[in-house]
Each structure stands twice: as structure tokens, then as C-alpha cells.
Amino acid sequence: MSIVQLVISMLLFFVLFYGISFLLNMILKVTWLMVGIYPFIVLMIVDGISTADYFTATKEAFSTLGTKLVNLYTADILMLLSGLVGTILAGMTIRYLRKAGYQMF
């Protein structure tokens, strides 16, 4: 992956998760909801197996997840971290807007 692709991918992950987090925070009025949900989203992106497998074939599912997490490339980690930064900044933005008196809905 070239550096240009990495920067664009990081920007896309940041904007995607910032937008989703901002909208969910605005609608549900729970500021840090997406920061709590984000690790599960990352696991669903990384593992590549069905969520039901965690209940039916638990040992194999967690073994596969561990293997895939260990084998992540630096570029993948940077993209996923930029998504986490987007969710955190969306929470900070919503908190600032609420303190400033803006009301959503």
C-alpha cells in the first residue's frame, strides 16, 4: 500500500466514523456510545467470520480472531486508529455543542 493510499484510507475511516458517531450521539443523546461500540465494530471488520460462530464454535472463533489481530499490518492498525480518533472527536464535539447551548431535536 502506498503512502497516498494510506493517508486517503485513514481520512476516509476518520470521516466515516466521525459522521456516524456524531449522528448517533445527536439522535440518542449518549455522548460516548460509539466509543464503546467501536471495538466490536473493529472486531467484526477484522475477524471475517460470522458473529454466531462466537456462540456455536467459541474456541475456533476466538482462535481465528487472535490470529487475525496479531497478523494485522501497520497500515490496517493506523486506519482503525483513525476511526477511533473520529469517534472520540465526535463525542468531544457533541459535548462542546451541548455546553454551548445548542439543542439537537
PDB file of N, CA and C in Angstrom:
ATOM      1  N   MET A   1       0.854  -1.166   0.000  1.00  0.00           N
ATOM      2  CA  MET A   1       0.000   0.000   0.000  1.00  0.00           C
ATOM      3  C   MET A   1       0.903   1.232   0.000  1.00  0.00           C
ATOM      4  N   SER A   2       0.632   2.146  -0.899  1.00  0.00           N
ATOM      5  CA  SER A   2       1.437   3.361  -0.965  1.00  0.00           C
ATOM      6  C   SER A   2       1.016   4.330   0.135  1.00  0.00           C
ATOM      7  N   ILE A   3       1.851   5.314   0.378  1.00  0.00           N
ATOM      8  CA  ILE A   3       1.575   6.293   1.426  1.00  0.00           C
ATOM      9  C   ILE A   3       0.336   7.123   1.095  1.00  0.00           C
ATOM     10  N   VAL A   4       0.102   7.373  -0.182  1.00  0.00           N
ATOM     11  CA  VAL A   4      -1.083   8.138  -0.587  1.00  0.00           C
ATOM     12  C   VAL A   4      -2.351   7.346  -0.271  1.00  0.00           C
ATOM     13  N   GLN A   5      -2.342   6.068  -0.594  1.00  0.00           N
ATOM     14  CA  GLN A   5      -3.495   5.221  -0.279  1.00  0.00           C
ATOM     15  C   GLN A   5      -3.733   5.149   1.223  1.00  0.00           C
ATOM     16  N   LEU A   6      -2.661   5.072   1.988  1.00  0.00           N
ATOM     17  CA  LEU A   6      -2.786   5.011   3.443  1.00  0.00           C
ATOM     18  C   LEU A   6      -3.410   6.284   3.997  1.00  0.00           C
ATOM     19  N   VAL A   7      -2.937   7.429   3.542  1.00  0.00           N
ATOM     20  CA  VAL A   7      -3.472   8.706   4.031  1.00  0.00           C
ATOM     21  C   VAL A   7      -4.939   8.851   3.652  1.00  0.00           C
ATOM     22  N   ILE A   8      -5.289   8.500   2.427  1.00  0.00           N
ATOM     23  CA  ILE A   8      -6.687   8.592   1.995  1.00  0.00           C
ATOM     24  C   ILE A   8      -7.555   7.619   2.788  1.00  0.00           C
ATOM     25  N   SER A   9      -7.069   6.412   3.018  1.00  0.00           N
ATOM     26  CA  SER A   9      -7.827   5.432   3.802  1.00  0.00           C
ATOM     27  C   SER A   9      -8.029   5.905   5.234  1.00  0.00           C
ATOM     28  N   MET A  10      -6.994   6.478   5.826  1.00  0.00           N
ATOM     29  CA  MET A  10      -7.116   6.991   7.189  1.00  0.00           C
ATOM     30  C   MET A  10      -8.126   8.129   7.246  1.00  0.00           C
ATOM     31  N   LEU A  11      -8.084   9.003   6.267  1.00  0.00           N
ATOM     32  CA  LEU A  11      -9.035  10.112   6.214  1.00  0.00           C
ATOM     33  C   LEU A  11     -10.462   9.597   6.050  1.00  0.00           C
ATOM     34  N   LEU A  12     -10.645   8.599   5.198  1.00  0.00           N
ATOM     35  CA  LEU A  12     -11.980   8.032   4.997  1.00  0.00           C
ATOM     36  C   LEU A  12     -12.513   7.370   6.266  1.00  0.00           C
ATOM     37  N   PHE A  13     -11.677   6.608   6.959  1.00  0.00           N
ATOM     38  CA  PHE A  13     -12.109   5.989   8.214  1.00  0.00           C
ATOM     39  C   PHE A  13     -12.449   7.052   9.250  1.00  0.00           C
ATOM     40  N   PHE A  14     -11.623   8.106   9.325  1.00  0.00           N
ATOM     41  CA  PHE A  14     -11.882   9.186  10.274  1.00  0.00           C
ATOM     42  C   PHE A  14     -13.228   9.844   9.991  1.00  0.00           C
ATOM     43  N   VAL A  15     -13.447  10.232   8.744  1.00  0.00           N
ATOM     44  CA  VAL A  15     -14.685  10.926   8.375  1.00  0.00           C
ATOM     45  C   VAL A  15     -15.896  10.011   8.534  1.00  0.00           C
ATOM     46  N   LEU A  16     -15.769   8.754   8.135  1.00  0.00           N
ATOM     47  CA  LEU A  16     -16.877   7.809   8.244  1.00  0.00           C
ATOM     48  C   LEU A  16     -17.323   7.640   9.689  1.00  0.00           C
ATOM     49  N   PHE A  17     -16.385   7.355  10.570  1.00  0.00           N
ATOM     50  CA  PHE A  17     -16.756   7.105  11.961  1.00  0.00           C
ATOM     51  C   PHE A  17     -17.062   8.392  12.716  1.00  0.00           C
ATOM     52  N   TYR A  18     -16.473   9.517  12.314  1.00  0.00           N
ATOM     53  CA  TYR A  18     -16.856  10.797  12.910  1.00  0.00           C
ATOM     54  C   TYR A  18     -18.319  11.085  12.594  1.00  0.00           C
ATOM     55  N   GLY A  19     -18.691  10.913  11.335  1.00  0.00           N
ATOM     56  CA  GLY A  19     -20.070  11.185  10.926  1.00  0.00           C
ATOM     57  C   GLY A  19     -21.077  10.264  11.582  1.00  0.00           C
ATOM     58  N   ILE A  20     -20.789   8.977  11.592  1.00  0.00           N
ATOM     59  CA  ILE A  20     -21.709   8.023  12.223  1.00  0.00           C
ATOM     60  C   ILE A  20     -21.835   8.326  13.713  1.00  0.00           C
ATOM     61  N   SER A  21     -20.714   8.577  14.365  1.00  0.00           N
ATOM     62  CA  SER A  21     -20.736   8.859  15.804  1.00  0.00           C
ATOM     63  C   SER A  21     -21.476  10.146  16.105  1.00  0.00           C
ATOM     64  N   PHE A  22     -21.243  11.168  15.299  1.00  0.00           N
ATOM     65  CA  PHE A  22     -21.904  12.454  15.521  1.00  0.00           C
ATOM     66  C   PHE A  22     -23.415  12.296  15.415  1.00  0.00           C
ATOM     67  N   LEU A  23     -23.864  11.608  14.376  1.00  0.00           N
ATOM     68  CA  LEU A  23     -25.309  11.421  14.197  1.00  0.00           C
ATOM     69  C   LEU A  23     -25.918  10.582  15.317  1.00  0.00           C
ATOM     70  N   LEU A  24     -25.261   9.488  15.700  1.00  0.00           N
ATOM     71  CA  LEU A  24     -25.785   8.661  16.794  1.00  0.00           C
ATOM     72  C   LEU A  24     -25.795   9.430  18.114  1.00  0.00           C
ATOM     73  N   ASN A  25     -24.738  10.191  18.377  1.00  0.00           N
ATOM     74  CA  ASN A  25     -24.696  10.991  19.601  1.00  0.00           C
ATOM     75  C   ASN A  25     -25.798  12.038  19.612  1.00  0.00           C
ATOM     76  N   MET A  26     -26.059  12.619  18.456  1.00  0.00           N
ATOM     77  CA  MET A  26     -27.082  13.651  18.358  1.00  0.00           C
ATOM     78  C   MET A  26     -28.472  13.052  18.542  1.00  0.00           C
ATOM     79  N   ILE A  27     -28.731  11.925  17.927  1.00  0.00           N
ATOM     80  CA  ILE A  27     -30.068  11.325  17.978  1.00  0.00           C
ATOM     81  C   ILE A  27     -30.327  10.651  19.321  1.00  0.00           C
ATOM     82  N   LEU A  28     -29.366   9.873  19.811  1.00  0.00           N
ATOM     83  CA  LEU A  28     -29.578   9.092  21.029  1.00  0.00           C
ATOM     84  C   LEU A  28     -29.237   9.850  22.311  1.00  0.00           C
ATOM     85  N   LYS A  29     -28.555  10.973  22.178  1.00  0.00           N
ATOM     86  CA  LYS A  29     -28.148  11.806  23.319  1.00  0.00           C
ATOM     87  C   LYS A  29     -27.286  11.037  24.312  1.00  0.00           C
ATOM     88  N   VAL A  30     -26.467  10.143  23.796  1.00  0.00           N
ATOM     89  CA  VAL A  30     -25.498   9.406  24.607  1.00  0.00           C
ATOM     90  C   VAL A  30     -24.129   9.709  24.002  1.00  0.00           C
ATOM     91  N   THR A  31     -23.362  10.558  24.683  1.00  0.00           N
ATOM     92  CA  THR A  31     -22.162  11.130  24.088  1.00  0.00           C
ATOM     93  C   THR A  31     -21.106  10.096  23.707  1.00  0.00           C
ATOM     94  N   TRP A  32     -20.838   9.130  24.550  1.00  0.00           N
ATOM     95  CA  TRP A  32     -19.722   8.222  24.309  1.00  0.00           C
ATOM     96  C   TRP A  32     -20.161   6.836  23.865  1.00  0.00           C
ATOM     97  N   LEU A  33     -21.345   6.703  23.304  1.00  0.00           N
ATOM     98  CA  LEU A  33     -21.858   5.398  22.882  1.00  0.00           C
ATOM     99  C   LEU A  33     -20.951   4.737  21.840  1.00  0.00           C
ATOM    100  N   MET A  34     -20.595   5.467  20.806  1.00  0.00           N
ATOM    101  CA  MET A  34     -19.809   4.870  19.724  1.00  0.00           C
ATOM    102  C   MET A  34     -18.394   4.516  20.153  1.00  0.00           C
ATOM    103  N   VAL A  35     -17.849   5.229  21.124  1.00  0.00           N
ATOM    104  CA  VAL A  35     -16.515   4.872  21.608  1.00  0.00           C
ATOM    105  C   VAL A  35     -16.565   3.497  22.266  1.00  0.00           C
ATOM    106  N   GLY A  36     -17.670   3.176  22.902  1.00  0.00           N
ATOM    107  CA  GLY A  36     -17.834   1.858  23.500  1.00  0.00           C
ATOM    108  C   GLY A  36     -18.135   0.773  22.486  1.00  0.00           C
ATOM    109  N   ILE A  37     -18.848   1.131  21.437  1.00  0.00           N
ATOM    110  CA  ILE A  37     -19.228   0.161  20.407  1.00  0.00           C
ATOM    111  C   ILE A  37     -18.095  -0.071  19.402  1.00  0.00           C
ATOM    112  N   TYR A  38     -17.228   0.915  19.216  1.00  0.00           N
ATOM    113  CA  TYR A  38     -16.198   0.852  18.184  1.00  0.00           C
ATOM    114  C   TYR A  38     -15.315  -0.401  18.256  1.00  0.00           C
ATOM    115  N   PRO A  39     -14.868  -0.841  19.440  1.00  0.00           N
ATOM    116  CA  PRO A  39     -14.049  -2.073  19.456  1.00  0.00           C
ATOM    117  C   PRO A  39     -14.768  -3.286  18.870  1.00  0.00           C
ATOM    118  N   PHE A  40     -16.069  -3.393  19.078  1.00  0.00           N
ATOM    119  CA  PHE A  40     -16.819  -4.511  18.497  1.00  0.00           C
ATOM    120  C   PHE A  40     -16.915  -4.374  16.976  1.00  0.00           C
ATOM    121  N   ILE A  41     -17.030  -3.140  16.496  1.00  0.00           N
ATOM    122  CA  ILE A  41     -17.044  -2.908  15.049  1.00  0.00           C
ATOM    123  C   ILE A  41     -15.699  -3.308  14.453  1.00  0.00           C
ATOM    124  N   VAL A  42     -14.623  -2.947  15.135  1.00  0.00           N
ATOM    125  CA  VAL A  42     -13.285  -3.323  14.666  1.00  0.00           C
ATOM    126  C   VAL A  42     -13.151  -4.843  14.612  1.00  0.00           C
ATOM    127  N   LEU A  43     -13.640  -5.526  15.633  1.00  0.00           N
ATOM    128  CA  LEU A  43     -13.559  -6.991  15.631  1.00  0.00           C
ATOM    129  C   LEU A  43     -14.353  -7.587  14.480  1.00  0.00           C
ATOM    130  N   MET A  44     -15.505  -7.011  14.165  1.00  0.00           N
ATOM    131  CA  MET A  44     -16.298  -7.514  13.038  1.00  0.00           C
ATOM    132  C   MET A  44     -15.602  -7.241  11.712  1.00  0.00           C
ATOM    133  N   ILE A  45     -14.872  -6.125  11.612  1.00  0.00           N
ATOM    134  CA  ILE A  45     -14.130  -5.822  10.390  1.00  0.00           C
ATOM    135  C   ILE A  45     -12.957  -6.787  10.236  1.00  0.00           C
ATOM    136  N   VAL A  46     -12.259  -7.051  11.325  1.00  0.00           N
ATOM    137  CA  VAL A  46     -11.014  -7.818  11.270  1.00  0.00           C
ATOM    138  C   VAL A  46     -11.239  -9.316  11.162  1.00  0.00           C
ATOM    139  N   ASP A  47     -12.183  -9.871  11.930  1.00  0.00           N
ATOM    140  CA  ASP A  47     -12.249 -11.328  12.059  1.00  0.00           C
ATOM    141  C   ASP A  47     -12.703 -12.054  10.803  1.00  0.00           C
ATOM    142  N   GLY A  48     -13.644 -11.518  10.064  1.00  0.00           N
ATOM    143  CA  GLY A  48     -14.083 -12.162   8.833  1.00  0.00           C
ATOM    144  C   GLY A  48     -14.912 -13.414   9.031  1.00  0.00           C
ATOM    145  N   ILE A  49     -15.413 -13.640  10.228  1.00  0.00           N
ATOM    146  CA  ILE A  49     -16.275 -14.792  10.479  1.00  0.00           C
ATOM    147  C   ILE A  49     -17.615 -14.309  11.009  1.00  0.00           C
ATOM    148  N   SER A  50     -18.576 -15.185  10.997  1.00  0.00           N
ATOM    149  CA  SER A  50     -19.914 -14.839  11.459  1.00  0.00           C
ATOM    150  C   SER A  50     -19.920 -14.610  12.970  1.00  0.00           C
ATOM    151  N   THR A  51     -20.717 -13.656  13.409  1.00  0.00           N
ATOM    152  CA  THR A  51     -20.849 -13.387  14.840  1.00  0.00           C
ATOM    153  C   THR A  51     -21.447 -14.582  15.566  1.00  0.00           C
ATOM    154  N   ALA A  52     -22.296 -15.331  14.891  1.00  0.00           N
ATOM    155  CA  ALA A  52     -22.902 -16.519  15.504  1.00  0.00           C
ATOM    156  C   ALA A  52     -21.852 -17.571  15.842  1.00  0.00           C
ATOM    157  N   ASP A  53     -20.736 -17.576  15.116  1.00  0.00           N
ATOM    158  CA  ASP A  53     -19.673 -18.546  15.402  1.00  0.00           C
ATOM    159  C   ASP A  53     -19.067 -18.355  16.786  1.00  0.00           C
ATOM    160  N   TYR A  54     -19.160 -17.155  17.329  1.00  0.00           N
ATOM    161  CA  TYR A  54     -18.643 -16.927  18.680  1.00  0.00           C
ATOM    162  C   TYR A  54     -19.463 -17.671  19.726  1.00  0.00           C
ATOM    163  N   PHE A  55     -20.704 -18.025  19.379  1.00  0.00           N
ATOM    164  CA  PHE A  55     -21.563 -18.761  20.302  1.00  0.00           C
ATOM    165  C   PHE A  55     -21.604 -20.259  19.990  1.00  0.00           C
ATOM    166  N   THR A  56     -21.460 -20.597  18.714  1.00  0.00           N
ATOM    167  CA  THR A  56     -21.556 -22.005  18.330  1.00  0.00           C
ATOM    168  C   THR A  56     -20.198 -22.706  18.318  1.00  0.00           C
ATOM    169  N   ALA A  57     -19.179 -22.026  17.836  1.00  0.00           N
ATOM    170  CA  ALA A  57     -17.822 -22.596  17.779  1.00  0.00           C
ATOM    171  C   ALA A  57     -16.868 -21.626  18.469  1.00  0.00           C
ATOM    172  N   THR A  58     -17.024 -21.488  19.754  1.00  0.00           N
ATOM    173  CA  THR A  58     -16.340 -20.449  20.517  1.00  0.00           C
ATOM    174  C   THR A  58     -14.819 -20.547  20.430  1.00  0.00           C
ATOM    175  N   LYS A  59     -14.285 -21.703  20.656  1.00  0.00           N
ATOM    176  CA  LYS A  59     -12.832 -21.863  20.690  1.00  0.00           C
ATOM    177  C   LYS A  59     -12.206 -21.507  19.348  1.00  0.00           C
ATOM    178  N   GLU A  60     -12.769 -22.019  18.275  1.00  0.00           N
ATOM    179  CA  GLU A  60     -12.230 -21.753  16.943  1.00  0.00           C
ATOM    180  C   GLU A  60     -12.386 -20.279  16.574  1.00  0.00           C
ATOM    181  N   ALA A  61     -13.515 -19.689  16.953  1.00  0.00           N
ATOM    182  CA  ALA A  61     -13.766 -18.291  16.608  1.00  0.00           C
ATOM    183  C   ALA A  61     -12.756 -17.371  17.290  1.00  0.00           C
ATOM    184  N   PHE A  62     -12.525 -17.573  18.573  1.00  0.00           N
ATOM    185  CA  PHE A  62     -11.569 -16.724  19.283  1.00  0.00           C
ATOM    186  C   PHE A  62     -10.138 -17.011  18.854  1.00  0.00           C
ATOM    187  N   SER A  63      -9.860 -18.236  18.482  1.00  0.00           N
ATOM    188  CA  SER A  63      -8.540 -18.565  17.958  1.00  0.00           C
ATOM    189  C   SER A  63      -8.290 -17.835  16.638  1.00  0.00           C
ATOM    190  N   THR A  64      -9.294 -17.852  15.768  1.00  0.00           N
ATOM    191  CA  THR A  64      -9.195 -17.144  14.490  1.00  0.00           C
ATOM    192  C   THR A  64      -9.048 -15.646  14.713  1.00  0.00           C
ATOM    193  N   LEU A  65      -9.831 -15.105  15.636  1.00  0.00           N
ATOM    194  CA  LEU A  65      -9.757 -13.679  15.936  1.00  0.00           C
ATOM    195  C   LEU A  65      -8.371 -13.300  16.440  1.00  0.00           C
ATOM    196  N   GLY A  66      -7.826 -14.089  17.354  1.00  0.00           N
ATOM    197  CA  GLY A  66      -6.488 -13.809  17.874  1.00  0.00           C
ATOM    198  C   GLY A  66      -5.434 -13.834  16.784  1.00  0.00           C
ATOM    199  N   THR A  67      -5.527 -14.814  15.907  1.00  0.00           N
ATOM    200  CA  THR A  67      -4.578 -14.916  14.800  1.00  0.00           C
ATOM    201  C   THR A  67      -4.674 -13.712  13.879  1.00  0.00           C
ATOM    202  N   LYS A  68      -5.893 -13.312  13.547  1.00  0.00           N
ATOM    203  CA  LYS A  68      -6.066 -12.182  12.631  1.00  0.00           C
ATOM    204  C   LYS A  68      -5.633 -10.866  13.270  1.00  0.00           C
ATOM    205  N   LEU A  69      -5.867 -10.704  14.576  1.00  0.00           N
ATOM    206  CA  LEU A  69      -5.434  -9.476  15.247  1.00  0.00           C
ATOM    207  C   LEU A  69      -3.913  -9.378  15.304  1.00  0.00           C
ATOM    208  N   VAL A  70      -3.253 -10.490  15.541  1.00  0.00           N
ATOM    209  CA  VAL A  70      -1.793 -10.493  15.610  1.00  0.00           C
ATOM    210  C   VAL A  70      -1.184 -10.223  14.240  1.00  0.00           C
ATOM    211  N   ASN A  71      -1.848 -10.660  13.182  1.00  0.00           N
ATOM    212  CA  ASN A  71      -1.310 -10.531  11.830  1.00  0.00           C
ATOM    213  C   ASN A  71      -1.715  -9.247  11.116  1.00  0.00           C
ATOM    214  N   LEU A  72      -2.276  -8.279  11.825  1.00  0.00           N
ATOM    215  CA  LEU A  72      -2.635  -7.013  11.189  1.00  0.00           C
ATOM    216  C   LEU A  72      -1.379  -6.254  10.774  1.00  0.00           C
ATOM    217  N   TYR A  73      -1.456  -5.599   9.620  1.00  0.00           N
ATOM    218  CA  TYR A  73      -0.359  -4.762   9.164  1.00  0.00           C
ATOM    219  C   TYR A  73      -0.432  -3.402   9.847  1.00  0.00           C
ATOM    220  N   THR A  74       0.668  -2.688   9.819  1.00  0.00           N
ATOM    221  CA  THR A  74       0.712  -1.354  10.418  1.00  0.00           C
ATOM    222  C   THR A  74      -0.301  -0.428   9.756  1.00  0.00           C
ATOM    223  N   ALA A  75      -0.459  -0.537   8.457  1.00  0.00           N
ATOM    224  CA  ALA A  75      -1.426   0.305   7.749  1.00  0.00           C
ATOM    225  C   ALA A  75      -2.847   0.039   8.242  1.00  0.00           C
ATOM    226  N   ASP A  76      -3.178  -1.221   8.474  1.00  0.00           N
ATOM    227  CA  ASP A  76      -4.509  -1.562   8.986  1.00  0.00           C
ATOM    228  C   ASP A  76      -4.729  -0.967  10.369  1.00  0.00           C
ATOM    229  N   ILE A  77      -3.721  -1.068  11.211  1.00  0.00           N
ATOM    230  CA  ILE A  77      -3.828  -0.525  12.566  1.00  0.00           C
ATOM    231  C   ILE A  77      -4.003   0.986  12.521  1.00  0.00           C
ATOM    232  N   LEU A  78      -3.258   1.658  11.647  1.00  0.00           N
ATOM    233  CA  LEU A  78      -3.382   3.113  11.530  1.00  0.00           C
ATOM    234  C   LEU A  78      -4.773   3.518  11.049  1.00  0.00           C
ATOM    235  N   MET A  79      -5.331   2.767  10.096  1.00  0.00           N
ATOM    236  CA  MET A  79      -6.681   3.078   9.616  1.00  0.00           C
ATOM    237  C   MET A  79      -7.705   2.896  10.723  1.00  0.00           C
ATOM    238  N   LEU A  80      -7.612   1.799  11.448  1.00  0.00           N
ATOM    239  CA  LEU A  80      -8.566   1.542  12.526  1.00  0.00           C
ATOM    240  C   LEU A  80      -8.417   2.561  13.650  1.00  0.00           C
ATOM    241  N   LEU A  81      -7.197   2.974  13.940  1.00  0.00           N
ATOM    242  CA  LEU A  81      -6.992   4.002  14.965  1.00  0.00           C
ATOM    243  C   LEU A  81      -7.542   5.354  14.532  1.00  0.00           C
ATOM    244  N   SER A  82      -7.465   5.664  13.240  1.00  0.00           N
ATOM    245  CA  SER A  82      -8.035   6.930  12.777  1.00  0.00           C
ATOM    246  C   SER A  82      -9.553   6.914  12.911  1.00  0.00           C
ATOM    247  N   GLY A  83     -10.180   5.761  12.752  1.00  0.00           N
ATOM    248  CA  GLY A  83     -11.615   5.655  13.007  1.00  0.00           C
ATOM    249  C   GLY A  83     -11.939   5.877  14.468  1.00  0.00           C
ATOM    250  N   LEU A  84     -11.099   5.342  15.364  1.00  0.00           N
ATOM    251  CA  LEU A  84     -11.292   5.560  16.799  1.00  0.00           C
ATOM    252  C   LEU A  84     -11.142   7.035  17.151  1.00  0.00           C
ATOM    253  N   VAL A  85     -10.162   7.694  16.556  1.00  0.00           N
ATOM    254  CA  VAL A  85      -9.989   9.132  16.787  1.00  0.00           C
ATOM    255  C   VAL A  85     -11.222   9.892  16.310  1.00  0.00           C
ATOM    256  N   GLY A  86     -11.796   9.473  15.188  1.00  0.00           N
ATOM    257  CA  GLY A  86     -13.018  10.106  14.693  1.00  0.00           C
ATOM    258  C   GLY A  86     -14.174   9.971  15.663  1.00  0.00           C
ATOM    259  N   THR A  87     -14.329   8.799  16.273  1.00  0.00           N
ATOM    260  CA  THR A  87     -15.421   8.620  17.235  1.00  0.00           C
ATOM    261  C   THR A  87     -15.190   9.447  18.494  1.00  0.00           C
ATOM    262  N   ILE A  88     -13.954   9.540  18.939  1.00  0.00           N
ATOM    263  CA  ILE A  88     -13.647  10.333  20.132  1.00  0.00           C
ATOM    264  C   ILE A  88     -13.881  11.813  19.864  1.00  0.00           C
ATOM    265  N   LEU A  89     -13.431  12.299  18.704  1.00  0.00           N
ATOM    266  CA  LEU A  89     -13.635  13.715  18.388  1.00  0.00           C
ATOM    267  C   LEU A  89     -15.104  14.053  18.184  1.00  0.00           C
ATOM    268  N   ALA A  90     -15.889  13.118  17.683  1.00  0.00           N
ATOM    269  CA  ALA A  90     -17.329  13.362  17.555  1.00  0.00           C
ATOM    270  C   ALA A  90     -17.963  13.520  18.931  1.00  0.00           C
ATOM    271  N   GLY A  91     -17.549  12.698  19.888  1.00  0.00           N
ATOM    272  CA  GLY A  91     -18.049  12.832  21.254  1.00  0.00           C
ATOM    273  C   GLY A  91     -17.653  14.157  21.871  1.00  0.00           C
ATOM    274  N   MET A  92     -16.407  14.576  21.636  1.00  0.00           N
ATOM    275  CA  MET A  92     -15.956  15.861  22.160  1.00  0.00           C
ATOM    276  C   MET A  92     -16.710  17.019  21.518  1.00  0.00           C
ATOM    277  N   THR A  93     -16.984  16.910  20.231  1.00  0.00           N
ATOM    278  CA  THR A  93     -17.727  17.954  19.528  1.00  0.00           C
ATOM    279  C   THR A  93     -19.143  18.074  20.063  1.00  0.00           C
ATOM    280  N   ILE A  94     -19.821  16.954  20.225  1.00  0.00           N
ATOM    281  CA  ILE A  94     -21.189  16.970  20.753  1.00  0.00           C
ATOM    282  C   ILE A  94     -21.200  17.546  22.162  1.00  0.00           C
ATOM    283  N   ARG A  95     -20.238  17.146  22.982  1.00  0.00           N
ATOM    284  CA  ARG A  95     -20.190  17.659  24.353  1.00  0.00           C
ATOM    285  C   ARG A  95     -19.990  19.174  24.352  1.00  0.00           C
ATOM    286  N   TYR A  96     -19.101  19.670  23.483  1.00  0.00           N
ATOM    287  CA  TYR A  96     -18.880  21.112  23.382  1.00  0.00           C
ATOM    288  C   TYR A  96     -20.149  21.827  22.925  1.00  0.00           C
ATOM    289  N   LEU A  97     -20.810  21.282  21.920  1.00  0.00           N
ATOM    290  CA  LEU A  97     -22.025  21.921  21.411  1.00  0.00           C
ATOM    291  C   LEU A  97     -23.122  21.955  22.472  1.00  0.00           C
ATOM    292  N   ARG A  98     -23.247  20.906  23.250  1.00  0.00           N
ATOM    293  CA  ARG A  98     -24.261  20.894  24.309  1.00  0.00           C
ATOM    294  C   ARG A  98     -23.933  21.913  25.390  1.00  0.00           C
ATOM    295  N   LYS A  99     -22.660  22.034  25.749  1.00  0.00           N
ATOM    296  CA  LYS A  99     -22.263  23.027  26.747  1.00  0.00           C
ATOM    297  C   LYS A  99     -22.472  24.446  26.235  1.00  0.00           C
ATOM    298  N   ALA A 100     -22.322  24.633  24.933  1.00  0.00           N
ATOM    299  CA  ALA A 100     -22.502  25.956  24.340  1.00  0.00           C
ATOM    300  C   ALA A 100     -23.974  26.313  24.177  1.00  0.00           C
ATOM    301  N   GLY A 101     -24.866  25.387  24.487  1.00  0.00           N
ATOM    302  CA  GLY A 101     -26.290  25.693  24.458  1.00  0.00           C
ATOM    303  C   GLY A 101     -27.037  25.222  23.230  1.00  0.00           C
ATOM    304  N   TYR A 102     -26.354  24.561  22.321  1.00  0.00           N
ATOM    305  CA  TYR A 102     -27.049  24.063  21.140  1.00  0.00           C
ATOM    306  C   TYR A 102     -27.912  22.872  21.523  1.00  0.00           C
ATOM    307  N   GLN A 103     -29.121  22.854  20.995  1.00  0.00           N
ATOM    308  CA  GLN A 103     -30.026  21.746  21.266  1.00  0.00           C
ATOM    309  C   GLN A 103     -30.313  21.016  19.966  1.00  0.00           C
ATOM    310  N   MET A 104     -30.148  19.719  20.005  1.00  0.00           N
ATOM    311  CA  MET A 104     -30.438  18.901  18.840  1.00  0.00           C
ATOM    312  C   MET A 104     -31.729  18.159  19.106  1.00  0.00           C
ATOM    313  N   PHE A 105     -32.706  18.368  18.289  1.00  0.00           N
ATOM    314  CA  PHE A 105     -34.021  17.750  18.405  1.00  0.00           C
ATOM    315  C   PHE A 105     -34.694  18.271  19.613  1.00  0.00           C
TER     316      PHE A 105
END
